[in-house]
């Protein structure tokens, strides 16, 4: 059973999700135009700089799924769940669903 969340808690969770799913404009534009190879390369560069970036892994997982590369999409999605979430809000606490 899901606990009932206050409006403030709901807003906090939505804010965290928006931060997790935030994306650089260049990467966003590459996704919109269908240049998924470029989006993947840019996200990989972000991960190379910060291997603990939940956002980069989550976004690259999305790009991999759009390319129908399910194994790599799942790998990146699993990586997100193992990293420390921002602001101390658990990603898998039965209240917040990332994807």
PDB file of N, CA and C in Angstrom:
ATOM      1  N   UNK A   1       0.842  -1.185   0.000  1.00  0.00           N
ATOM      2  CA  UNK A   1       0.000   0.000   0.000  1.00  0.00           C
ATOM      3  C   UNK A   1       0.883   1.242   0.000  1.00  0.00           C
ATOM      4  N   UNK A   2       0.565   2.190  -0.836  1.00  0.00           N
ATOM      5  CA  UNK A   2       1.328   3.424  -0.906  1.00  0.00           C
ATOM      6  C   UNK A   2       0.880   4.381   0.194  1.00  0.00           C
ATOM      7  N   UNK A   3       1.838   5.008   0.860  1.00  0.00           N
ATOM      8  CA  UNK A   3       1.448   5.985   1.880  1.00  0.00           C
ATOM      9  C   UNK A   3       0.862   7.233   1.224  1.00  0.00           C
ATOM     10  N   UNK A   4       0.013   7.924   1.950  1.00  0.00           N
ATOM     11  CA  UNK A   4      -0.552   9.178   1.458  1.00  0.00           C
ATOM     12  C   UNK A   4       0.480  10.271   1.690  1.00  0.00           C
ATOM     13  N   UNK A   5       0.810  10.985   0.630  1.00  0.00           N
ATOM     14  CA  UNK A   5       1.818  12.031   0.710  1.00  0.00           C
ATOM     15  C   UNK A   5       1.162  13.395   0.833  1.00  0.00           C
ATOM     16  N   UNK A   6       1.773  14.258   1.603  1.00  0.00           N
ATOM     17  CA  UNK A   6       1.293  15.630   1.684  1.00  0.00           C
ATOM     18  C   UNK A   6       1.609  16.336   0.382  1.00  0.00           C
ATOM     19  N   UNK A   7       0.963  17.450   0.138  1.00  0.00           N
ATOM     20  CA  UNK A   7       1.233  18.222  -1.074  1.00  0.00           C
ATOM     21  C   UNK A   7       2.701  18.634  -1.126  1.00  0.00           C
ATOM     22  N   UNK A   8       3.241  19.061   0.019  1.00  0.00           N
ATOM     23  CA  UNK A   8       4.653  19.479   0.070  1.00  0.00           C
ATOM     24  C   UNK A   8       5.558  18.312  -0.322  1.00  0.00           C
ATOM     25  N   UNK A   9       5.289  17.125   0.199  1.00  0.00           N
ATOM     26  CA  UNK A   9       6.107  15.961  -0.125  1.00  0.00           C
ATOM     27  C   UNK A   9       5.972  15.600  -1.595  1.00  0.00           C
ATOM     28  N   UNK A  10       4.770  15.703  -2.143  1.00  0.00           N
ATOM     29  CA  UNK A  10       4.563  15.421  -3.560  1.00  0.00           C
ATOM     30  C   UNK A  10       5.356  16.387  -4.421  1.00  0.00           C
ATOM     31  N   UNK A  11       5.350  17.660  -4.067  1.00  0.00           N
ATOM     32  CA  UNK A  11       6.096  18.672  -4.813  1.00  0.00           C
ATOM     33  C   UNK A  11       7.594  18.380  -4.726  1.00  0.00           C
ATOM     34  N   UNK A  12       8.068  17.984  -3.546  1.00  0.00           N
ATOM     35  CA  UNK A  12       9.490  17.657  -3.387  1.00  0.00           C
ATOM     36  C   UNK A  12       9.873  16.480  -4.273  1.00  0.00           C
ATOM     37  N   UNK A  13       9.035  15.460  -4.338  1.00  0.00           N
ATOM     38  CA  UNK A  13       9.322  14.298  -5.174  1.00  0.00           C
ATOM     39  C   UNK A  13       9.311  14.667  -6.655  1.00  0.00           C
ATOM     40  N   UNK A  14       8.369  15.467  -7.069  1.00  0.00           N
ATOM     41  CA  UNK A  14       8.313  15.905  -8.472  1.00  0.00           C
ATOM     42  C   UNK A  14       9.555  16.724  -8.804  1.00  0.00           C
ATOM     43  N   UNK A  15       9.983  17.592  -7.898  1.00  0.00           N
ATOM     44  CA  UNK A  15      11.184  18.401  -8.112  1.00  0.00           C
ATOM     45  C   UNK A  15      12.400  17.512  -8.300  1.00  0.00           C
ATOM     46  N   UNK A  16      12.533  16.489  -7.465  1.00  0.00           N
ATOM     47  CA  UNK A  16      13.660  15.567  -7.584  1.00  0.00           C
ATOM     48  C   UNK A  16      13.596  14.826  -8.908  1.00  0.00           C
ATOM     49  N   UNK A  17      12.421  14.356  -9.299  1.00  0.00           N
ATOM     50  CA  UNK A  17      12.291  13.660 -10.573  1.00  0.00           C
ATOM     51  C   UNK A  17      12.645  14.559 -11.741  1.00  0.00           C
ATOM     52  N   UNK A  18      12.240  15.816 -11.678  1.00  0.00           N
ATOM     53  CA  UNK A  18      12.569  16.756 -12.753  1.00  0.00           C
ATOM     54  C   UNK A  18      14.074  16.951 -12.829  1.00  0.00           C
ATOM     55  N   UNK A  19      14.746  16.974 -11.692  1.00  0.00           N
ATOM     56  CA  UNK A  19      16.197  17.121 -11.692  1.00  0.00           C
ATOM     57  C   UNK A  19      16.869  15.871 -12.236  1.00  0.00           C
ATOM     58  N   UNK A  20      16.320  14.697 -11.894  1.00  0.00           N
ATOM     59  CA  UNK A  20      16.887  13.450 -12.403  1.00  0.00           C
ATOM     60  C   UNK A  20      16.741  13.388 -13.914  1.00  0.00           C
ATOM     61  N   UNK A  21      15.601  13.816 -14.410  1.00  0.00           N
ATOM     62  CA  UNK A  21      15.325  13.714 -15.835  1.00  0.00           C
ATOM     63  C   UNK A  21      15.692  14.968 -16.618  1.00  0.00           C
ATOM     64  N   UNK A  22      16.350  15.924 -15.957  1.00  0.00           N
ATOM     65  CA  UNK A  22      16.802  17.131 -16.647  1.00  0.00           C
ATOM     66  C   UNK A  22      17.818  16.732 -17.718  1.00  0.00           C
ATOM     67  N   UNK A  23      17.854  17.507 -18.781  1.00  0.00           N
ATOM     68  CA  UNK A  23      18.760  17.153 -19.876  1.00  0.00           C
ATOM     69  C   UNK A  23      19.341  18.412 -20.507  1.00  0.00           C
ATOM     70  N   UNK A  24      20.595  18.341 -20.883  1.00  0.00           N
ATOM     71  CA  UNK A  24      21.301  19.415 -21.563  1.00  0.00           C
ATOM     72  C   UNK A  24      20.583  19.722 -22.879  1.00  0.00           C
ATOM     73  N   UNK A  25      20.514  20.986 -23.256  1.00  0.00           N
ATOM     74  CA  UNK A  25      19.774  21.381 -24.463  1.00  0.00           C
ATOM     75  C   UNK A  25      20.349  20.757 -25.737  1.00  0.00           C
ATOM     76  N   UNK A  26      21.663  20.611 -25.818  1.00  0.00           N
ATOM     77  CA  UNK A  26      22.266  20.001 -27.006  1.00  0.00           C
ATOM     78  C   UNK A  26      21.829  18.550 -27.129  1.00  0.00           C
ATOM     79  N   UNK A  27      21.831  17.850 -25.984  1.00  0.00           N
ATOM     80  CA  UNK A  27      21.400  16.457 -25.982  1.00  0.00           C
ATOM     81  C   UNK A  27      19.909  16.382 -26.303  1.00  0.00           C
ATOM     82  N   UNK A  28      19.133  17.267 -25.710  1.00  0.00           N
ATOM     83  CA  UNK A  28      17.687  17.311 -25.962  1.00  0.00           C
ATOM     84  C   UNK A  28      17.410  17.508 -27.447  1.00  0.00           C
ATOM     85  N   UNK A  29      18.102  18.476 -28.052  1.00  0.00           N
ATOM     86  CA  UNK A  29      17.891  18.755 -29.471  1.00  0.00           C
ATOM     87  C   UNK A  29      18.302  17.569 -30.339  1.00  0.00           C
ATOM     88  N   UNK A  30      19.382  16.890 -29.954  1.00  0.00           N
ATOM     89  CA  UNK A  30      19.807  15.705 -30.701  1.00  0.00           C
ATOM     90  C   UNK A  30      18.723  14.625 -30.630  1.00  0.00           C
ATOM     91  N   UNK A  31      18.118  14.465 -29.458  1.00  0.00           N
ATOM     92  CA  UNK A  31      17.029  13.480 -29.314  1.00  0.00           C
ATOM     93  C   UNK A  31      15.825  13.853 -30.168  1.00  0.00           C
ATOM     94  N   UNK A  32      15.477  15.132 -30.153  1.00  0.00           N
ATOM     95  CA  UNK A  32      14.306  15.591 -30.908  1.00  0.00           C
ATOM     96  C   UNK A  32      14.498  15.401 -32.407  1.00  0.00           C
ATOM     97  N   UNK A  33      15.702  15.679 -32.891  1.00  0.00           N
ATOM     98  CA  UNK A  33      15.954  15.544 -34.323  1.00  0.00           C
ATOM     99  C   UNK A  33      16.263  14.107 -34.737  1.00  0.00           C
ATOM    100  N   UNK A  34      16.324  13.198 -33.747  1.00  0.00           N
ATOM    101  CA  UNK A  34      16.585  11.800 -34.061  1.00  0.00           C
ATOM    102  C   UNK A  34      18.051  11.448 -34.160  1.00  0.00           C
ATOM    103  N   UNK A  35      18.929  12.371 -33.782  1.00  0.00           N
ATOM    104  CA  UNK A  35      20.370  12.104 -33.809  1.00  0.00           C
ATOM    105  C   UNK A  35      20.772  11.428 -32.500  1.00  0.00           C
ATOM    106  N   UNK A  36      20.302  10.197 -32.334  1.00  0.00           N
ATOM    107  CA  UNK A  36      20.508   9.477 -31.080  1.00  0.00           C
ATOM    108  C   UNK A  36      21.958   9.084 -30.862  1.00  0.00           C
ATOM    109  N   UNK A  37      22.713   8.915 -31.930  1.00  0.00           N
ATOM    110  CA  UNK A  37      24.139   8.608 -31.798  1.00  0.00           C
ATOM    111  C   UNK A  37      24.864   9.761 -31.114  1.00  0.00           C
ATOM    112  N   UNK A  38      24.564  10.987 -31.531  1.00  0.00           N
ATOM    113  CA  UNK A  38      25.172  12.156 -30.903  1.00  0.00           C
ATOM    114  C   UNK A  38      24.724  12.268 -29.450  1.00  0.00           C
ATOM    115  N   UNK A  39      23.445  12.069 -29.195  1.00  0.00           N
ATOM    116  CA  UNK A  39      22.945  12.131 -27.822  1.00  0.00           C
ATOM    117  C   UNK A  39      23.666  11.111 -26.949  1.00  0.00           C
ATOM    118  N   UNK A  40      23.812   9.910 -27.451  1.00  0.00           N
ATOM    119  CA  UNK A  40      24.512   8.858 -26.701  1.00  0.00           C
ATOM    120  C   UNK A  40      25.964   9.253 -26.428  1.00  0.00           C
ATOM    121  N   UNK A  41      26.640   9.777 -27.434  1.00  0.00           N
ATOM    122  CA  UNK A  41      28.044  10.178 -27.266  1.00  0.00           C
ATOM    123  C   UNK A  41      28.174  11.276 -26.213  1.00  0.00           C
ATOM    124  N   UNK A  42      27.290  12.274 -26.261  1.00  0.00           N
ATOM    125  CA  UNK A  42      27.355  13.372 -25.297  1.00  0.00           C
ATOM    126  C   UNK A  42      27.060  12.890 -23.880  1.00  0.00           C
ATOM    127  N   UNK A  43      26.099  12.010 -23.749  1.00  0.00           N
ATOM    128  CA  UNK A  43      25.783  11.471 -22.424  1.00  0.00           C
ATOM    129  C   UNK A  43      26.923  10.604 -21.902  1.00  0.00           C
ATOM    130  N   UNK A  44      27.569   9.854 -22.788  1.00  0.00           N
ATOM    131  CA  UNK A  44      28.732   9.058 -22.385  1.00  0.00           C
ATOM    132  C   UNK A  44      29.856   9.972 -21.920  1.00  0.00           C
ATOM    133  N   UNK A  45      30.045  11.098 -22.585  1.00  0.00           N
ATOM    134  CA  UNK A  45      31.052  12.069 -22.142  1.00  0.00           C
ATOM    135  C   UNK A  45      30.721  12.593 -20.750  1.00  0.00           C
ATOM    136  N   UNK A  46      29.441  12.875 -20.504  1.00  0.00           N
ATOM    137  CA  UNK A  46      29.030  13.336 -19.177  1.00  0.00           C
ATOM    138  C   UNK A  46      29.332  12.274 -18.128  1.00  0.00           C
ATOM    139  N   UNK A  47      29.067  11.021 -18.456  1.00  0.00           N
ATOM    140  CA  UNK A  47      29.323   9.922 -17.523  1.00  0.00           C
ATOM    141  C   UNK A  47      30.812   9.755 -17.290  1.00  0.00           C
ATOM    142  N   UNK A  48      31.621   9.954 -18.338  1.00  0.00           N
ATOM    143  CA  UNK A  48      33.072   9.871 -18.179  1.00  0.00           C
ATOM    144  C   UNK A  48      33.586  10.941 -17.219  1.00  0.00           C
ATOM    145  N   UNK A  49      32.946  12.100 -17.228  1.00  0.00           N
ATOM    146  CA  UNK A  49      33.330  13.189 -16.326  1.00  0.00           C
ATOM    147  C   UNK A  49      32.832  12.931 -14.911  1.00  0.00           C
ATOM    148  N   UNK A  50      31.599  12.430 -14.786  1.00  0.00           N
ATOM    149  CA  UNK A  50      30.996  12.181 -13.477  1.00  0.00           C
ATOM    150  C   UNK A  50      30.308  10.822 -13.510  1.00  0.00           C
ATOM    151  N   UNK A  51      31.031   9.803 -13.077  1.00  0.00           N
ATOM    152  CA  UNK A  51      30.514   8.431 -13.123  1.00  0.00           C
ATOM    153  C   UNK A  51      29.382   8.194 -12.130  1.00  0.00           C
ATOM    154  N   UNK A  52      29.078   9.174 -11.290  1.00  0.00           N
ATOM    155  CA  UNK A  52      27.993   9.042 -10.313  1.00  0.00           C
ATOM    156  C   UNK A  52      26.784   9.886 -10.679  1.00  0.00           C
ATOM    157  N   UNK A  53      26.679  10.286 -11.931  1.00  0.00           N
ATOM    158  CA  UNK A  53      25.583  11.139 -12.367  1.00  0.00           C
ATOM    159  C   UNK A  53      24.338  10.315 -12.683  1.00  0.00           C
ATOM    160  N   UNK A  54      23.389  10.338 -11.744  1.00  0.00           N
ATOM    161  CA  UNK A  54      22.109   9.646 -11.969  1.00  0.00           C
ATOM    162  C   UNK A  54      21.436  10.173 -13.227  1.00  0.00           C
ATOM    163  N   UNK A  55      21.491  11.478 -13.410  1.00  0.00           N
ATOM    164  CA  UNK A  55      20.824  12.118 -14.541  1.00  0.00           C
ATOM    165  C   UNK A  55      21.364  11.610 -15.867  1.00  0.00           C
ATOM    166  N   UNK A  56      22.675  11.557 -15.991  1.00  0.00           N
ATOM    167  CA  UNK A  56      23.276  11.124 -17.256  1.00  0.00           C
ATOM    168  C   UNK A  56      22.947   9.674 -17.559  1.00  0.00           C
ATOM    169  N   UNK A  57      23.008   8.814 -16.546  1.00  0.00           N
ATOM    170  CA  UNK A  57      22.661   7.409 -16.760  1.00  0.00           C
ATOM    171  C   UNK A  57      21.189   7.249 -17.115  1.00  0.00           C
ATOM    172  N   UNK A  58      20.317   7.988 -16.429  1.00  0.00           N
ATOM    173  CA  UNK A  58      18.874   7.891 -16.711  1.00  0.00           C
ATOM    174  C   UNK A  58      18.578   8.343 -18.137  1.00  0.00           C
ATOM    175  N   UNK A  59      19.184   9.453 -18.540  1.00  0.00           N
ATOM    176  CA  UNK A  59      18.950   9.964 -19.886  1.00  0.00           C
ATOM    177  C   UNK A  59      19.544   9.038 -20.949  1.00  0.00           C
ATOM    178  N   UNK A  60      20.745   8.492 -20.671  1.00  0.00           N
ATOM    179  CA  UNK A  60      21.337   7.586 -21.654  1.00  0.00           C
ATOM    180  C   UNK A  60      20.514   6.307 -21.757  1.00  0.00           C
ATOM    181  N   UNK A  61      19.938   5.864 -20.645  1.00  0.00           N
ATOM    182  CA  UNK A  61      19.059   4.704 -20.677  1.00  0.00           C
ATOM    183  C   UNK A  61      17.872   4.960 -21.616  1.00  0.00           C
ATOM    184  N   UNK A  62      17.307   6.162 -21.511  1.00  0.00           N
ATOM    185  CA  UNK A  62      16.193   6.538 -22.380  1.00  0.00           C
ATOM    186  C   UNK A  62      16.624   6.520 -23.847  1.00  0.00           C
ATOM    187  N   UNK A  63      17.805   7.081 -24.134  1.00  0.00           N
ATOM    188  CA  UNK A  63      18.319   7.108 -25.511  1.00  0.00           C
ATOM    189  C   UNK A  63      18.540   5.683 -26.017  1.00  0.00           C
ATOM    190  N   UNK A  64      19.106   4.823 -25.176  1.00  0.00           N
ATOM    191  CA  UNK A  64      19.347   3.434 -25.577  1.00  0.00           C
ATOM    192  C   UNK A  64      18.014   2.725 -25.883  1.00  0.00           C
ATOM    193  N   UNK A  65      17.006   2.999 -25.070  1.00  0.00           N
ATOM    194  CA  UNK A  65      15.694   2.387 -25.312  1.00  0.00           C
ATOM    195  C   UNK A  65      15.116   2.868 -26.639  1.00  0.00           C
ATOM    196  N   UNK A  66      15.297   4.142 -26.940  1.00  0.00           N
ATOM    197  CA  UNK A  66      14.803   4.664 -28.231  1.00  0.00           C
ATOM    198  C   UNK A  66      15.516   4.007 -29.404  1.00  0.00           C
ATOM    199  N   UNK A  67      16.760   3.550 -29.165  1.00  0.00           N
ATOM    200  CA  UNK A  67      17.517   2.853 -30.209  1.00  0.00           C
ATOM    201  C   UNK A  67      17.234   1.349 -30.188  1.00  0.00           C
ATOM    202  N   UNK A  68      16.316   0.936 -29.316  1.00  0.00           N
ATOM    203  CA  UNK A  68      15.953  -0.471 -29.142  1.00  0.00           C
ATOM    204  C   UNK A  68      17.122  -1.325 -28.648  1.00  0.00           C
ATOM    205  N   UNK A  69      18.071  -0.693 -27.978  1.00  0.00           N
ATOM    206  CA  UNK A  69      19.209  -1.392 -27.376  1.00  0.00           C
ATOM    207  C   UNK A  69      18.842  -1.683 -25.923  1.00  0.00           C
ATOM    208  N   UNK A  70      17.975  -2.684 -25.754  1.00  0.00           N
ATOM    209  CA  UNK A  70      17.353  -2.951 -24.462  1.00  0.00           C
ATOM    210  C   UNK A  70      18.353  -3.352 -23.392  1.00  0.00           C
ATOM    211  N   UNK A  71      19.373  -4.132 -23.744  1.00  0.00           N
ATOM    212  CA  UNK A  71      20.351  -4.565 -22.745  1.00  0.00           C
ATOM    213  C   UNK A  71      21.111  -3.378 -22.152  1.00  0.00           C
ATOM    214  N   UNK A  72      21.559  -2.488 -23.021  1.00  0.00           N
ATOM    215  CA  UNK A  72      22.301  -1.319 -22.522  1.00  0.00           C
ATOM    216  C   UNK A  72      21.373  -0.338 -21.816  1.00  0.00           C
ATOM    217  N   UNK A  73      20.125  -0.230 -22.278  1.00  0.00           N
ATOM    218  CA  UNK A  73      19.155   0.632 -21.588  1.00  0.00           C
ATOM    219  C   UNK A  73      18.917   0.112 -20.180  1.00  0.00           C
ATOM    220  N   UNK A  74      18.749  -1.187 -20.049  1.00  0.00           N
ATOM    221  CA  UNK A  74      18.523  -1.781 -18.732  1.00  0.00           C
ATOM    222  C   UNK A  74      19.755  -1.625 -17.847  1.00  0.00           C
ATOM    223  N   UNK A  75      20.941  -1.795 -18.425  1.00  0.00           N
ATOM    224  CA  UNK A  75      22.179  -1.627 -17.663  1.00  0.00           C
ATOM    225  C   UNK A  75      22.258  -0.228 -17.060  1.00  0.00           C
ATOM    226  N   UNK A  76      21.989   0.799 -17.873  1.00  0.00           N
ATOM    227  CA  UNK A  76      22.046   2.176 -17.371  1.00  0.00           C
ATOM    228  C   UNK A  76      20.940   2.441 -16.353  1.00  0.00           C
ATOM    229  N   UNK A  77      19.750   1.895 -16.584  1.00  0.00           N
ATOM    230  CA  UNK A  77      18.649   2.073 -15.629  1.00  0.00           C
ATOM    231  C   UNK A  77      19.003   1.432 -14.288  1.00  0.00           C
ATOM    232  N   UNK A  78      19.609   0.264 -14.327  1.00  0.00           N
ATOM    233  CA  UNK A  78      20.040  -0.386 -13.084  1.00  0.00           C
ATOM    234  C   UNK A  78      21.123   0.423 -12.388  1.00  0.00           C
ATOM    235  N   UNK A  79      21.989   1.042 -13.163  1.00  0.00           N
ATOM    236  CA  UNK A  79      23.056   1.867 -12.579  1.00  0.00           C
ATOM    237  C   UNK A  79      22.451   3.031 -11.809  1.00  0.00           C
ATOM    238  N   UNK A  80      21.396   3.632 -12.348  1.00  0.00           N
ATOM    239  CA  UNK A  80      20.722   4.742 -11.668  1.00  0.00           C
ATOM    240  C   UNK A  80      20.260   4.298 -10.282  1.00  0.00           C
ATOM    241  N   UNK A  81      19.702   3.105 -10.210  1.00  0.00           N
ATOM    242  CA  UNK A  81      19.149   2.641  -8.934  1.00  0.00           C
ATOM    243  C   UNK A  81      20.228   2.331  -7.912  1.00  0.00           C
ATOM    244  N   UNK A  82      21.486   2.151  -8.350  1.00  0.00           N
ATOM    245  CA  UNK A  82      22.561   1.854  -7.406  1.00  0.00           C
ATOM    246  C   UNK A  82      23.296   3.103  -6.930  1.00  0.00           C
ATOM    247  N   UNK A  83      23.095   4.210  -7.628  1.00  0.00           N
ATOM    248  CA  UNK A  83      23.787   5.446  -7.260  1.00  0.00           C
ATOM    249  C   UNK A  83      23.033   6.173  -6.157  1.00  0.00           C
ATOM    250  N   UNK A  84      23.755   6.972  -5.409  1.00  0.00           N
ATOM    251  CA  UNK A  84      23.121   7.772  -4.359  1.00  0.00           C
ATOM    252  C   UNK A  84      22.205   8.798  -5.008  1.00  0.00           C
ATOM    253  N   UNK A  85      20.929   8.807  -4.647  1.00  0.00           N
ATOM    254  CA  UNK A  85      19.998   9.759  -5.248  1.00  0.00           C
ATOM    255  C   UNK A  85      20.240  11.172  -4.740  1.00  0.00           C
ATOM    256  N   UNK A  86      19.895  12.188  -5.552  1.00  0.00           N
ATOM    257  CA  UNK A  86      20.062  13.562  -5.110  1.00  0.00           C
ATOM    258  C   UNK A  86      19.113  13.899  -3.968  1.00  0.00           C
ATOM    259  N   UNK A  87      19.538  14.778  -3.110  1.00  0.00           N
ATOM    260  CA  UNK A  87      18.717  15.297  -2.013  1.00  0.00           C
ATOM    261  C   UNK A  87      18.276  14.223  -1.033  1.00  0.00           C
ATOM    262  N   UNK A  88      18.925  13.056  -1.057  1.00  0.00           N
ATOM    263  CA  UNK A  88      18.608  12.013  -0.096  1.00  0.00           C
ATOM    264  C   UNK A  88      17.239  11.391  -0.245  1.00  0.00           C
ATOM    265  N   UNK A  89      16.563  11.586  -1.377  1.00  0.00           N
ATOM    266  CA  UNK A  89      15.249  10.981  -1.582  1.00  0.00           C
ATOM    267  C   UNK A  89      15.454   9.636  -2.265  1.00  0.00           C
ATOM    268  N   UNK A  90      15.059   8.537  -1.637  1.00  0.00           N
ATOM    269  CA  UNK A  90      15.256   7.220  -2.241  1.00  0.00           C
ATOM    270  C   UNK A  90      14.517   7.098  -3.563  1.00  0.00           C
ATOM    271  N   UNK A  91      15.148   6.422  -4.519  1.00  0.00           N
ATOM    272  CA  UNK A  91      14.519   6.229  -5.815  1.00  0.00           C
ATOM    273  C   UNK A  91      13.566   5.049  -5.798  1.00  0.00           C
ATOM    274  N   UNK A  92      13.818   4.069  -4.965  1.00  0.00           N
ATOM    275  CA  UNK A  92      12.998   2.865  -4.938  1.00  0.00           C
ATOM    276  C   UNK A  92      12.411   2.671  -3.549  1.00  0.00           C
ATOM    277  N   UNK A  93      11.601   3.600  -3.118  1.00  0.00           N
ATOM    278  CA  UNK A  93      11.044   3.506  -1.762  1.00  0.00           C
ATOM    279  C   UNK A  93       9.542   3.246  -1.792  1.00  0.00           C
ATOM    280  N   UNK A  94       9.045   2.662  -2.884  1.00  0.00           N
ATOM    281  CA  UNK A  94       7.633   2.349  -3.059  1.00  0.00           C
ATOM    282  C   UNK A  94       6.757   3.593  -3.177  1.00  0.00           C
ATOM    283  N   UNK A  95       7.327   4.761  -3.243  1.00  0.00           N
ATOM    284  CA  UNK A  95       6.534   5.983  -3.426  1.00  0.00           C
ATOM    285  C   UNK A  95       6.929   6.698  -4.690  1.00  0.00           C
ATOM    286  N   UNK A  96       8.196   6.625  -5.069  1.00  0.00           N
ATOM    287  CA  UNK A  96       8.693   7.357  -6.228  1.00  0.00           C
ATOM    288  C   UNK A  96       9.075   6.358  -7.300  1.00  0.00           C
ATOM    289  N   UNK A  97       8.547   6.537  -8.481  1.00  0.00           N
ATOM    290  CA  UNK A  97       8.881   5.673  -9.591  1.00  0.00           C
ATOM    291  C   UNK A  97       9.606   6.530 -10.616  1.00  0.00           C
ATOM    292  N   UNK A  98      10.839   6.149 -10.961  1.00  0.00           N
ATOM    293  CA  UNK A  98      11.666   6.960 -11.852  1.00  0.00           C
ATOM    294  C   UNK A  98      11.247   6.770 -13.288  1.00  0.00           C
ATOM    295  N   UNK A  99      11.085   5.556 -13.744  1.00  0.00           N
ATOM    296  CA  UNK A  99      10.754   5.309 -15.144  1.00  0.00           C
ATOM    297  C   UNK A  99       9.526   4.444 -15.255  1.00  0.00           C
TER     298      UNK A  99
END
